[in-house]
Amino acid sequence: MSGAARRSEEGLARLRSQMSAAMEPRALTSFGVADQFFQYLKKSGRLRNRVFADIGANLGSWTHPFAMRYWRVLAFEAYSRNFEALSKKFAGSNYVELVRKAVWDESGKSVDFFYDETRPGIGSIRNNSEHFREETRETVETITIADALGEDLEKLELIKTDVEGAELQTLKGADLPRSQPSVIVAEISGRSAAFGYGPDDLAAFIAGAGYDVFLMMAKARENSFGALERIHFAPYTTCVGRPAIGANMDALGVRKDVAADFADLFGRHFVEYGY
């Protein structure tokens, strides 16, 4: 390839990168949805507090941007290596409190935490060994969200829980009738079977605490600038029993008193299930 041709290819690659960045696929992920919604509530004067429980913080992809917006973030991460990375990343932060415990529906238990050193995003207090290439375990202590926050529980505004199947147990320990965060984002995973429940049970639990529940679906679409994402929401009641519920989906709970605001902001993304 000639020098001119190579420079042309490099220029095209930069253009594609810039276009992709301008379209910001991340804004159409569950993080982006939560972030946009809270900015919307803030502008309308309806943002109550800025307290966020990041359950399964991993390497801080949710913790960091909310801390940058001056939220108080309780970041829970049971895996020792991830916790060490978080400790370095947020050393000296006035907004991030790191907790190396497994969030559960009961505090003070010692449990085995299983993980795969080759895949730092995969870890669980149940042995979902089919997902591990190289299984290892550590002993960690459990804690509930209610105990972690104590008197500040009612200031909780957002829960994100992504813990490889144990999402329902984490929410059971959050005392939702009392805490009533505006938004709950919970990963939907086939791994929940190891914990004795399915996606419908998770959605029913969130709805029972006073939330409108949506199935949030991220879909990849190709264009000339690479892969971008789009987001769709379907009322979860229209999805019950659907076997296709699985990858790249979250259950999104929106507290009923702000559900109209959510519809105003994201109504164009509402679809019937099966689009």
Protein backbone atom coordinates (compact mmCIF):
# COMPACT_ATOMS: atom_id res chain seq x y z
CA MET A 1 0.00 0.00 0.00
CA SER A 2 1.37 3.43 -0.90
CA GLY A 3 1.93 6.10 1.71
CA ALA A 4 -0.95 8.18 0.35
CA ALA A 5 -3.32 5.21 0.41
CA ARG A 6 -2.27 4.33 3.95
CA ARG A 7 -2.88 7.91 5.11
CA SER A 8 -6.28 7.83 3.42
CA GLU A 9 -7.19 4.63 5.25
CA GLU A 10 -5.98 6.09 8.54
CA GLY A 11 -8.04 9.23 7.93
CA LEU A 12 -11.15 7.16 7.22
CA ALA A 13 -10.56 5.14 10.39
CA ARG A 14 -10.33 8.37 12.41
CA LEU A 15 -13.52 9.68 10.82
CA ARG A 16 -15.38 6.48 11.66
CA SER A 17 -14.11 6.69 15.23
CA GLN A 18 -15.20 10.32 15.53
CA MET A 19 -18.63 9.57 14.10
CA SER A 20 -19.11 6.64 16.45
CA ALA A 21 -18.05 8.79 19.39
CA ALA A 22 -20.42 11.56 18.33
CA MET A 23 -23.31 9.10 18.26
CA GLU A 24 -22.19 7.77 21.67
CA PRO A 25 -23.58 4.24 21.79
CA ARG A 26 -23.06 4.27 25.57
CA ALA A 27 -25.88 6.81 25.87
CA LEU A 28 -28.24 4.10 24.68
CA THR A 29 -27.20 1.52 27.28
CA SER A 30 -28.73 1.02 30.71
CA PHE A 31 -26.13 3.39 32.16
CA GLY A 32 -27.01 6.08 29.64
CA VAL A 33 -30.73 5.70 30.29
CA ALA A 34 -30.28 6.13 34.05
CA ASP A 35 -27.90 9.04 33.57
CA GLN A 36 -30.22 10.88 31.17
CA PHE A 37 -33.24 10.30 33.40
CA PHE A 38 -31.58 11.71 36.50
CA GLN A 39 -30.36 14.75 34.59
CA TYR A 40 -33.97 15.20 33.46
CA LEU A 41 -35.26 14.96 37.04
CA LYS A 42 -32.59 17.40 38.21
CA LYS A 43 -33.59 20.01 35.62
CA SER A 44 -37.24 19.67 36.62
CA GLY A 45 -36.40 20.00 40.31
CA ARG A 46 -37.54 16.45 41.10
CA LEU A 47 -34.22 14.86 41.98
CA ARG A 48 -34.52 14.01 45.67
CA ASN A 49 -31.02 12.90 46.56
CA ARG A 50 -27.81 11.71 44.98
CA VAL A 51 -27.11 8.35 46.58
CA PHE A 52 -26.33 5.35 44.38
CA ALA A 53 -25.79 1.70 45.34
CA ASP A 54 -23.62 0.10 42.64
CA ILE A 55 -23.94 -3.64 43.31
CA GLY A 56 -21.34 -5.54 41.35
CA ALA A 57 -19.24 -2.46 40.67
CA ASN A 58 -16.64 -4.45 38.71
CA LEU A 59 -14.10 -1.85 37.53
CA GLY A 60 -16.27 1.21 38.12
CA SER A 61 -17.94 1.87 34.77
CA TRP A 62 -21.07 3.10 36.59
CA THR A 63 -19.39 4.34 39.77
CA HIS A 64 -17.03 6.76 38.05
CA PRO A 65 -19.48 8.89 36.02
CA PHE A 66 -21.96 9.23 38.89
CA ALA A 67 -19.17 10.21 41.29
CA MET A 68 -18.06 12.80 38.72
CA ARG A 69 -21.57 14.26 39.01
CA TYR A 70 -21.10 14.56 42.78
CA TRP A 71 -23.25 11.61 43.76
CA ARG A 72 -22.43 9.61 46.85
CA VAL A 73 -21.71 6.12 45.52
CA LEU A 74 -21.56 2.94 47.57
CA ALA A 75 -19.68 0.57 45.28
CA PHE A 76 -19.91 -3.09 46.25
CA GLU A 77 -17.38 -5.50 44.77
CA ALA A 78 -16.60 -8.93 46.24
CA TYR A 79 -13.78 -10.00 43.90
CA SER A 80 -10.44 -9.05 45.47
CA ARG A 81 -8.62 -8.10 42.25
CA ASN A 82 -11.44 -5.86 41.06
CA PHE A 83 -11.63 -4.32 44.52
CA GLU A 84 -7.90 -3.54 44.45
CA ALA A 85 -8.33 -1.85 41.06
CA LEU A 86 -11.26 0.19 42.38
CA SER A 87 -9.26 1.18 45.46
CA LYS A 88 -6.50 2.60 43.26
CA LYS A 89 -8.93 4.28 40.89
CA PHE A 90 -10.94 6.04 43.59
CA ALA A 91 -8.19 6.67 46.16
CA GLY A 92 -8.89 10.00 47.80
CA SER A 93 -12.40 10.34 46.36
CA ASN A 94 -14.85 12.12 48.62
CA TYR A 95 -17.80 10.60 46.81
CA VAL A 96 -17.05 6.87 46.55
CA GLU A 97 -17.28 4.41 49.42
CA LEU A 98 -15.93 0.98 48.46
CA VAL A 99 -17.32 -2.10 50.16
CA ARG A 100 -15.67 -5.49 49.66
CA LYS A 101 -18.66 -7.60 50.59
CA ALA A 102 -21.24 -9.65 48.71
CA VAL A 103 -24.62 -7.93 48.72
CA TRP A 104 -27.31 -10.38 49.83
CA ASP A 105 -30.64 -10.58 51.65
CA GLU A 106 -28.89 -11.21 54.97
CA SER A 107 -25.85 -9.58 56.56
CA GLY A 108 -22.94 -11.19 58.35
CA LYS A 109 -22.74 -14.56 56.60
CA SER A 110 -19.43 -15.96 55.38
CA VAL A 111 -19.87 -17.33 51.87
CA ASP A 112 -17.72 -18.67 49.07
CA PHE A 113 -17.37 -16.29 46.15
CA PHE A 114 -16.59 -18.05 42.88
CA TYR A 115 -14.82 -16.28 40.03
CA ASP A 116 -12.78 -16.81 36.91
CA GLU A 117 -9.41 -15.03 36.86
CA THR A 118 -9.52 -14.90 33.06
CA ARG A 119 -12.90 -13.09 33.09
CA PRO A 120 -13.00 -10.46 35.84
CA GLY A 121 -16.61 -9.53 35.08
CA ILE A 122 -17.88 -13.01 35.98
CA GLY A 123 -18.19 -13.81 39.68
CA SER A 124 -20.93 -15.21 41.88
CA ILE A 125 -21.62 -16.60 45.34
CA ARG A 126 -23.11 -19.62 43.64
CA ASN A 127 -20.97 -21.96 41.61
CA ASN A 128 -22.15 -21.29 38.05
CA SER A 129 -19.13 -23.27 36.92
CA GLU A 130 -20.33 -23.66 33.33
CA HIS A 131 -19.50 -19.97 32.89
CA PHE A 132 -15.97 -20.29 34.27
CA ARG A 133 -12.88 -21.33 32.36
CA GLU A 134 -10.70 -21.38 35.47
CA GLU A 135 -12.73 -21.54 38.66
CA THR A 136 -11.32 -20.00 41.85
CA ARG A 137 -12.97 -19.08 45.11
CA GLU A 138 -12.57 -16.66 48.00
CA THR A 139 -14.45 -16.27 51.28
CA VAL A 140 -16.38 -13.02 51.66
CA GLU A 141 -18.93 -11.63 54.08
CA THR A 142 -22.46 -10.68 53.06
CA ILE A 143 -24.23 -7.41 53.69
CA THR A 144 -27.65 -5.99 52.86
CA ILE A 145 -28.16 -2.62 51.24
CA ALA A 146 -30.33 -1.61 54.20
CA ASP A 147 -27.54 -2.36 56.67
CA ALA A 148 -24.89 -0.70 54.50
CA LEU A 149 -26.83 2.56 54.28
CA GLY A 150 -28.39 2.54 57.74
CA GLU A 151 -30.15 5.81 58.48
CA ASP A 152 -29.39 7.04 54.95
CA LEU A 153 -31.42 4.28 53.30
CA GLU A 154 -34.29 6.64 52.49
CA LYS A 155 -31.86 8.87 50.57
CA LEU A 156 -31.18 6.10 48.04
CA GLU A 157 -31.97 7.29 44.52
CA LEU A 158 -30.57 4.55 42.27
CA ILE A 159 -29.78 0.84 42.53
CA LYS A 160 -27.83 -0.96 39.83
CA THR A 161 -27.42 -4.67 40.44
CA ASP A 162 -25.40 -6.91 38.13
CA VAL A 163 -24.25 -9.92 40.12
CA GLU A 164 -24.50 -12.90 37.79
CA GLY A 165 -27.89 -14.21 38.87
CA ALA A 166 -28.30 -13.01 42.47
CA GLU A 167 -30.08 -9.75 41.59
CA LEU A 168 -33.31 -10.71 43.38
CA GLN A 169 -31.49 -11.47 46.63
CA THR A 170 -29.71 -8.11 46.54
CA LEU A 171 -33.03 -6.29 46.15
CA LYS A 172 -34.66 -8.26 48.94
CA GLY A 173 -32.06 -6.77 51.26
CA ALA A 174 -32.74 -3.21 50.11
CA ASP A 175 -36.07 -2.79 51.97
CA LEU A 176 -37.66 -1.27 48.86
CA PRO A 177 -40.92 -0.22 50.57
CA ARG A 178 -38.78 2.05 52.77
CA SER A 179 -35.88 3.02 50.51
CA GLN A 180 -37.96 3.66 47.36
CA PRO A 181 -35.15 4.65 44.95
CA SER A 182 -36.42 6.37 41.82
CA VAL A 183 -34.80 3.81 39.51
CA ILE A 184 -33.72 0.17 39.79
CA VAL A 185 -31.62 -1.42 37.06
CA ALA A 186 -31.26 -5.19 37.41
CA GLU A 187 -29.54 -7.49 34.96
CA ILE A 188 -31.65 -10.34 33.59
CA SER A 189 -29.63 -13.52 33.38
CA GLY A 190 -30.21 -17.22 32.91
CA ARG A 191 -27.79 -17.62 35.82
CA SER A 192 -30.62 -16.72 38.18
CA ALA A 193 -31.78 -20.35 37.94
CA ALA A 194 -28.91 -21.28 40.28
CA PHE A 195 -30.57 -19.03 42.87
CA GLY A 196 -34.02 -20.54 42.42
CA TYR A 197 -35.84 -17.82 40.51
CA GLY A 198 -36.43 -16.54 36.98
CA PRO A 199 -36.85 -13.16 35.24
CA ASP A 200 -40.59 -13.06 35.92
CA ASP A 201 -39.98 -13.44 39.66
CA LEU A 202 -37.52 -10.55 39.60
CA ALA A 203 -39.96 -8.29 37.73
CA ALA A 204 -42.84 -9.24 40.02
CA PHE A 205 -40.80 -8.41 43.11
CA ILE A 206 -39.87 -4.95 41.78
CA ALA A 207 -43.46 -4.26 40.68
CA GLY A 208 -44.76 -5.32 44.09
CA ALA A 209 -42.64 -2.61 45.72
CA GLY A 210 -44.43 0.14 43.76
CA TYR A 211 -42.65 0.32 40.41
CA ASP A 212 -43.52 0.25 36.75
CA VAL A 213 -41.26 -2.42 35.31
CA PHE A 214 -39.89 -2.47 31.78
CA LEU A 215 -37.83 -4.95 29.87
CA MET A 216 -34.94 -2.92 28.51
CA MET A 217 -33.52 -4.39 25.33
CA ALA A 218 -30.27 -3.31 23.69
CA LYS A 219 -29.95 -4.21 20.02
CA ALA A 220 -26.86 -3.87 17.88
CA ARG A 221 -27.28 -2.44 14.40
CA GLU A 222 -24.60 -2.12 11.76
CA ASN A 223 -23.96 0.94 9.66
CA SER A 224 -21.02 2.27 7.68
CA PHE A 225 -19.45 3.66 10.83
CA GLY A 226 -19.48 0.37 12.74
CA ALA A 227 -21.74 -1.21 15.32
CA LEU A 228 -24.02 1.11 17.27
CA GLU A 229 -26.66 0.26 19.81
CA ARG A 230 -30.28 1.18 20.12
CA ILE A 231 -32.50 0.72 23.12
CA HIS A 232 -36.12 -0.34 23.39
CA PHE A 233 -38.47 -0.71 26.34
CA ALA A 234 -41.46 -3.00 26.64
CA PRO A 235 -43.79 -3.13 29.65
CA TYR A 236 -42.72 -6.28 31.42
CA THR A 237 -46.29 -7.52 31.76
CA THR A 238 -46.35 -8.06 27.99
CA CYS A 239 -43.19 -10.17 28.19
CA VAL A 240 -44.07 -12.65 30.95
CA GLY A 241 -43.11 -16.19 30.08
CA ARG A 242 -41.24 -15.24 26.94
CA PRO A 243 -38.39 -17.73 26.46
CA ALA A 244 -36.38 -15.19 24.44
CA ILE A 245 -35.66 -13.09 27.52
CA GLY A 246 -31.92 -13.27 27.94
CA ALA A 247 -28.74 -11.60 26.74
CA ASN A 248 -28.40 -7.80 26.65
CA MET A 249 -31.55 -7.22 28.65
CA ASP A 250 -32.23 -5.55 31.99
CA ALA A 251 -35.30 -5.19 34.15
CA LEU A 252 -35.83 -1.49 34.72
CA GLY A 253 -38.00 -0.40 37.63
CA VAL A 254 -39.25 3.20 37.65
CA ARG A 255 -41.02 4.43 40.78
CA LYS A 256 -44.64 5.14 39.92
CA ASP A 257 -44.60 8.82 40.88
CA VAL A 258 -41.87 9.54 38.30
CA ALA A 259 -43.06 7.06 35.66
CA ALA A 260 -44.77 9.84 33.68
CA ASP A 261 -41.45 11.70 33.52
CA PHE A 262 -39.79 8.54 32.24
CA ALA A 263 -42.45 8.17 29.55
CA ASP A 264 -41.98 11.80 28.50
CA LEU A 265 -38.25 11.27 28.07
CA PHE A 266 -38.12 7.80 26.54
CA GLY A 267 -41.60 7.22 25.15
CA ARG A 268 -40.28 7.08 21.59
CA HIS A 269 -38.38 3.94 22.58
CA PHE A 270 -41.46 2.09 23.90
CA VAL A 271 -42.37 -0.92 21.77
CA GLU A 272 -44.45 -4.04 21.91
CA TYR A 273 -42.37 -7.06 22.79
CA GLY A 274 -41.19 -8.97 19.75
CA TYR A 275 -40.12 -5.97 17.59
